[in-house]
């Protein structure tokens, strides 16, 4: 039995299936609906107290599922390790290159709702969201990461250990198919960062070339990731 099956979420949050991800002690819980919406909970511990966790989908065909093109959800406890708050902040990032992501959210390609997070046992951050995917998507590239610190609201660069550089894989959406055709209306989650629609009106949503399938990660792509850093953020 997978370790992820023992996770107990707040009332009203249930998922059809879960997967213990192969790196960084992370897990993903999800339900996939016939209307192509994906309800998920990503669970991972930051690399150190005051750090951050992130999960995303890279829908750009031909890049091997690496950093560039990832539509990311990121959570951290505002104020870092010394903060008295236990409610993490949730942000979205469209990773377009190797520059710093900054302290403010950027629009992502998939409309997102019910953005929220809380802190579970062992200091693990549980990040919740519902993403509206493109119909016809069956397998997607998922990418995840953890970092050790946040400076002035901006996530700092993560470690470059082997497990950080290969924290990616394929997600078969149909494994978590729900009987219902669409997700139920959710009450506000444990975070004040909940959003009913993304991007906001007038934000100028950036369109990204997206593919329904995924490509394997080439040896060259791994070398590039190792050199440039996966989720690299430079101050």
Protein backbone atom coordinates (compact mmCIF):
# COMPACT_ATOMS: atom_id res chain seq x y z
CA UNK A 1 0.00 0.00 0.00
CA UNK A 2 1.30 3.46 -0.92
CA UNK A 3 2.24 5.75 1.94
CA UNK A 4 0.11 8.49 0.42
CA UNK A 5 -3.08 6.56 1.19
CA UNK A 6 -2.66 7.31 4.91
CA UNK A 7 -2.93 11.09 4.41
CA UNK A 8 -5.95 12.61 6.19
CA UNK A 9 -7.21 15.83 4.64
CA UNK A 10 -9.62 18.45 6.03
CA UNK A 11 -13.32 17.70 5.72
CA UNK A 12 -14.58 18.00 2.17
CA UNK A 13 -11.26 17.24 0.49
CA UNK A 14 -11.17 13.76 -0.99
CA UNK A 15 -9.42 12.34 -4.04
CA UNK A 16 -9.89 9.26 -6.18
CA UNK A 17 -6.25 8.19 -6.11
CA UNK A 18 -2.75 9.17 -5.04
CA UNK A 19 0.84 8.52 -6.02
CA UNK A 20 4.03 8.58 -3.97
CA UNK A 21 6.38 10.52 -6.21
CA UNK A 22 9.84 8.99 -6.67
CA UNK A 23 11.87 11.99 -5.45
CA UNK A 24 11.93 14.46 -2.55
CA UNK A 25 9.47 12.53 -0.36
CA UNK A 26 6.49 14.08 -2.16
CA UNK A 27 3.05 12.76 -3.05
CA UNK A 28 0.24 13.78 -5.36
CA UNK A 29 -3.47 13.14 -4.75
CA UNK A 30 -5.89 13.80 -7.59
CA UNK A 31 -9.30 13.40 -9.17
CA UNK A 32 -9.80 13.86 -12.91
CA UNK A 33 -13.27 14.76 -14.19
CA UNK A 34 -14.92 14.30 -17.59
CA UNK A 35 -14.94 18.07 -18.16
CA UNK A 36 -11.09 17.90 -18.06
CA UNK A 37 -10.77 19.55 -14.65
CA UNK A 38 -8.10 18.21 -12.31
CA UNK A 39 -8.61 18.50 -8.56
CA UNK A 40 -5.34 17.91 -6.70
CA UNK A 41 -3.41 18.03 -3.48
CA UNK A 42 0.39 18.08 -3.60
CA UNK A 43 2.10 17.12 -0.36
CA UNK A 44 5.79 17.66 0.43
CA UNK A 45 8.04 18.99 3.15
CA UNK A 46 10.17 22.06 2.37
CA UNK A 47 13.89 21.36 2.23
CA UNK A 48 14.21 23.29 5.52
CA UNK A 49 11.87 25.16 7.88
CA UNK A 50 10.84 28.36 6.16
CA UNK A 51 11.24 26.85 2.70
CA UNK A 52 8.79 26.18 -0.11
CA UNK A 53 7.19 23.38 -2.14
CA UNK A 54 6.01 23.46 -5.75
CA UNK A 55 4.20 21.28 -8.27
CA UNK A 56 3.26 21.94 -11.87
CA UNK A 57 2.43 20.66 -15.32
CA UNK A 58 4.65 21.25 -18.32
CA UNK A 59 2.33 21.04 -21.34
CA UNK A 60 4.82 22.26 -23.94
CA UNK A 61 5.49 19.50 -26.44
CA UNK A 62 9.07 18.62 -27.27
CA UNK A 63 10.90 19.93 -24.21
CA UNK A 64 11.06 16.67 -22.30
CA UNK A 65 9.06 17.90 -19.32
CA UNK A 66 11.79 20.07 -17.80
CA UNK A 67 11.66 23.51 -16.27
CA UNK A 68 10.86 25.84 -19.16
CA UNK A 69 7.15 25.83 -19.92
CA UNK A 70 6.06 24.55 -16.51
CA UNK A 71 2.81 26.00 -15.16
CA UNK A 72 3.63 25.94 -11.47
CA UNK A 73 1.82 26.14 -8.15
CA UNK A 74 4.08 27.12 -5.24
CA UNK A 75 3.39 27.38 -1.50
CA UNK A 76 5.34 28.63 1.51
CA UNK A 77 4.62 29.99 4.97
CA UNK A 78 4.87 33.77 4.76
CA UNK A 79 7.49 35.12 7.14
CA UNK A 80 9.60 31.97 6.94
CA UNK A 81 10.64 29.73 9.82
CA UNK A 82 10.17 32.50 12.41
CA UNK A 83 6.59 33.24 11.39
CA UNK A 84 3.76 32.56 13.81
CA UNK A 85 1.42 31.95 10.87
CA UNK A 86 0.62 28.36 9.94
CA UNK A 87 -1.29 29.18 6.75
CA UNK A 88 0.92 29.00 3.67
CA UNK A 89 0.81 31.50 0.84
CA UNK A 90 0.03 30.04 -2.61
CA UNK A 91 1.35 31.52 -5.85
CA UNK A 92 1.28 30.62 -9.53
CA UNK A 93 4.22 30.90 -11.93
CA UNK A 94 4.56 30.46 -15.67
CA UNK A 95 8.19 29.35 -15.97
CA UNK A 96 9.41 30.87 -19.24
CA UNK A 97 13.16 30.76 -18.68
CA UNK A 98 15.93 30.63 -16.13
CA UNK A 99 15.35 34.08 -14.63
CA UNK A 100 14.11 34.62 -11.08
CA UNK A 101 10.39 34.03 -10.63
CA UNK A 102 10.08 36.93 -8.21
CA UNK A 103 7.77 37.62 -5.31
CA UNK A 104 4.53 38.02 -7.30
CA UNK A 105 2.36 35.45 -9.06
CA UNK A 106 2.34 35.33 -12.84
CA UNK A 107 -0.59 34.07 -14.95
CA UNK A 108 -0.54 30.40 -15.86
CA UNK A 109 -2.00 28.72 -18.92
CA UNK A 110 -4.60 26.64 -17.06
CA UNK A 111 -7.47 28.39 -15.23
CA UNK A 112 -7.01 27.61 -11.53
CA UNK A 113 -9.56 27.63 -8.73
CA UNK A 114 -9.65 26.75 -5.03
CA UNK A 115 -5.99 27.67 -4.49
CA UNK A 116 -5.19 26.92 -0.86
CA UNK A 117 -2.64 25.25 1.38
CA UNK A 118 -2.17 24.09 4.95
CA UNK A 119 0.55 22.50 7.05
CA UNK A 120 0.20 18.80 7.77
CA UNK A 121 2.11 16.46 10.06
CA UNK A 122 5.88 16.71 10.11
CA UNK A 123 5.80 20.25 8.73
CA UNK A 124 4.66 19.06 5.30
CA UNK A 125 2.88 21.64 3.19
CA UNK A 126 -0.31 20.44 1.46
CA UNK A 127 -1.07 22.51 -1.62
CA UNK A 128 -4.61 22.34 -3.08
CA UNK A 129 -5.94 23.43 -6.46
CA UNK A 130 -8.34 22.65 -9.27
CA UNK A 131 -6.96 23.16 -12.78
CA UNK A 132 -9.03 23.30 -15.94
CA UNK A 133 -7.00 21.33 -18.48
CA UNK A 134 -7.45 21.03 -22.23
CA UNK A 135 -9.87 18.32 -23.27
CA UNK A 136 -8.04 15.43 -24.85
CA UNK A 137 -5.10 15.55 -22.45
CA UNK A 138 -4.47 12.03 -21.20
CA UNK A 139 -0.86 12.03 -20.01
CA UNK A 140 0.99 15.14 -18.86
CA UNK A 141 4.48 16.00 -17.67
CA UNK A 142 4.40 16.73 -13.95
CA UNK A 143 7.23 18.60 -12.25
CA UNK A 144 7.77 19.11 -8.54
CA UNK A 145 10.38 20.72 -6.30
CA UNK A 146 11.22 21.82 -2.75
CA UNK A 147 13.36 24.71 -1.55
CA UNK A 148 14.93 25.67 1.76
CA UNK A 149 14.22 29.40 2.04
CA UNK A 150 12.25 32.43 0.90
CA UNK A 151 13.74 35.94 0.90
CA UNK A 152 11.48 39.01 0.99
CA UNK A 153 8.63 36.94 -0.42
CA UNK A 154 10.63 35.44 -3.30
CA UNK A 155 11.48 31.72 -3.32
CA UNK A 156 15.24 31.12 -3.22
CA UNK A 157 17.02 28.63 -5.44
CA UNK A 158 16.68 24.99 -4.50
CA UNK A 159 19.54 22.52 -4.00
CA UNK A 160 21.21 20.99 -7.04
CA UNK A 161 21.37 17.45 -5.68
CA UNK A 162 20.52 14.60 -8.09
CA UNK A 163 17.06 14.12 -6.58
CA UNK A 164 16.24 17.78 -7.24
CA UNK A 165 17.34 17.64 -10.84
CA UNK A 166 15.21 14.61 -11.73
CA UNK A 167 12.00 15.53 -9.87
CA UNK A 168 9.71 15.10 -12.88
CA UNK A 169 7.64 12.38 -14.50
CA UNK A 170 4.45 11.46 -16.32
CA UNK A 171 0.99 11.74 -14.79
CA UNK A 172 -1.69 9.47 -16.27
CA UNK A 173 -4.82 11.49 -15.63
CA UNK A 174 -7.31 8.67 -16.20
CA UNK A 175 -6.01 6.72 -13.20
CA UNK A 176 -7.90 9.20 -11.04
CA UNK A 177 -11.08 9.45 -13.12
CA UNK A 178 -14.18 10.39 -11.11
CA UNK A 179 -17.70 9.08 -11.58
CA UNK A 180 -19.02 12.67 -11.68
CA UNK A 181 -18.59 14.75 -14.82
CA UNK A 182 -17.38 17.85 -13.00
CA UNK A 183 -16.02 18.74 -9.56
CA UNK A 184 -18.43 19.85 -6.84
CA UNK A 185 -18.46 23.46 -5.71
CA UNK A 186 -15.79 23.83 -3.04
CA UNK A 187 -16.03 25.86 0.09
CA UNK A 188 -13.14 28.20 0.80
CA UNK A 189 -10.06 26.26 1.74
CA UNK A 190 -7.73 26.80 4.68
CA UNK A 191 -5.86 29.59 2.89
CA UNK A 192 -6.92 33.17 2.26
CA UNK A 193 -5.24 32.86 -1.14
CA UNK A 194 -8.25 31.05 -2.60
CA UNK A 195 -9.11 32.20 -6.12
CA UNK A 196 -12.27 31.26 -8.01
CA UNK A 197 -10.79 32.10 -11.39
CA UNK A 198 -7.38 32.47 -12.96
CA UNK A 199 -6.11 34.54 -14.57
CA UNK A 200 -7.94 37.60 -13.24
CA UNK A 201 -9.95 39.68 -15.68
CA UNK A 202 -7.67 41.86 -17.77
CA UNK A 203 -4.48 40.06 -16.77
CA UNK A 204 -3.60 39.25 -20.37
CA UNK A 205 -3.41 35.47 -20.14
CA UNK A 206 -0.33 34.23 -21.94
CA UNK A 207 -1.07 31.53 -24.49
CA UNK A 208 1.37 28.64 -24.61
CA UNK A 209 1.74 25.90 -27.17
CA UNK A 210 0.42 22.79 -25.48
CA UNK A 211 0.41 19.13 -26.38
CA UNK A 212 -1.80 16.31 -25.11
CA UNK A 213 1.06 13.83 -24.83
CA UNK A 214 4.54 13.89 -23.36
CA UNK A 215 8.04 13.26 -24.62
CA UNK A 216 10.83 11.36 -22.92
CA UNK A 217 13.62 13.35 -21.29
CA UNK A 218 16.78 13.10 -23.36
CA UNK A 219 20.28 12.81 -21.95
CA UNK A 220 21.02 16.27 -23.34
CA UNK A 221 18.06 17.71 -21.48
CA UNK A 222 19.35 16.27 -18.21
CA UNK A 223 22.74 17.86 -18.81
CA UNK A 224 21.11 21.22 -19.45
CA UNK A 225 19.05 20.90 -16.28
CA UNK A 226 22.12 20.00 -14.27
CA UNK A 227 24.04 22.99 -15.58
CA UNK A 228 21.35 25.63 -15.44
CA UNK A 229 19.37 24.34 -12.48
CA UNK A 230 15.89 23.10 -12.26
CA UNK A 231 13.57 25.94 -11.21
CA UNK A 232 16.68 28.14 -11.17
CA UNK A 233 16.06 31.50 -9.56
CA UNK A 234 18.76 34.14 -9.53
CA UNK A 235 18.59 37.22 -7.39
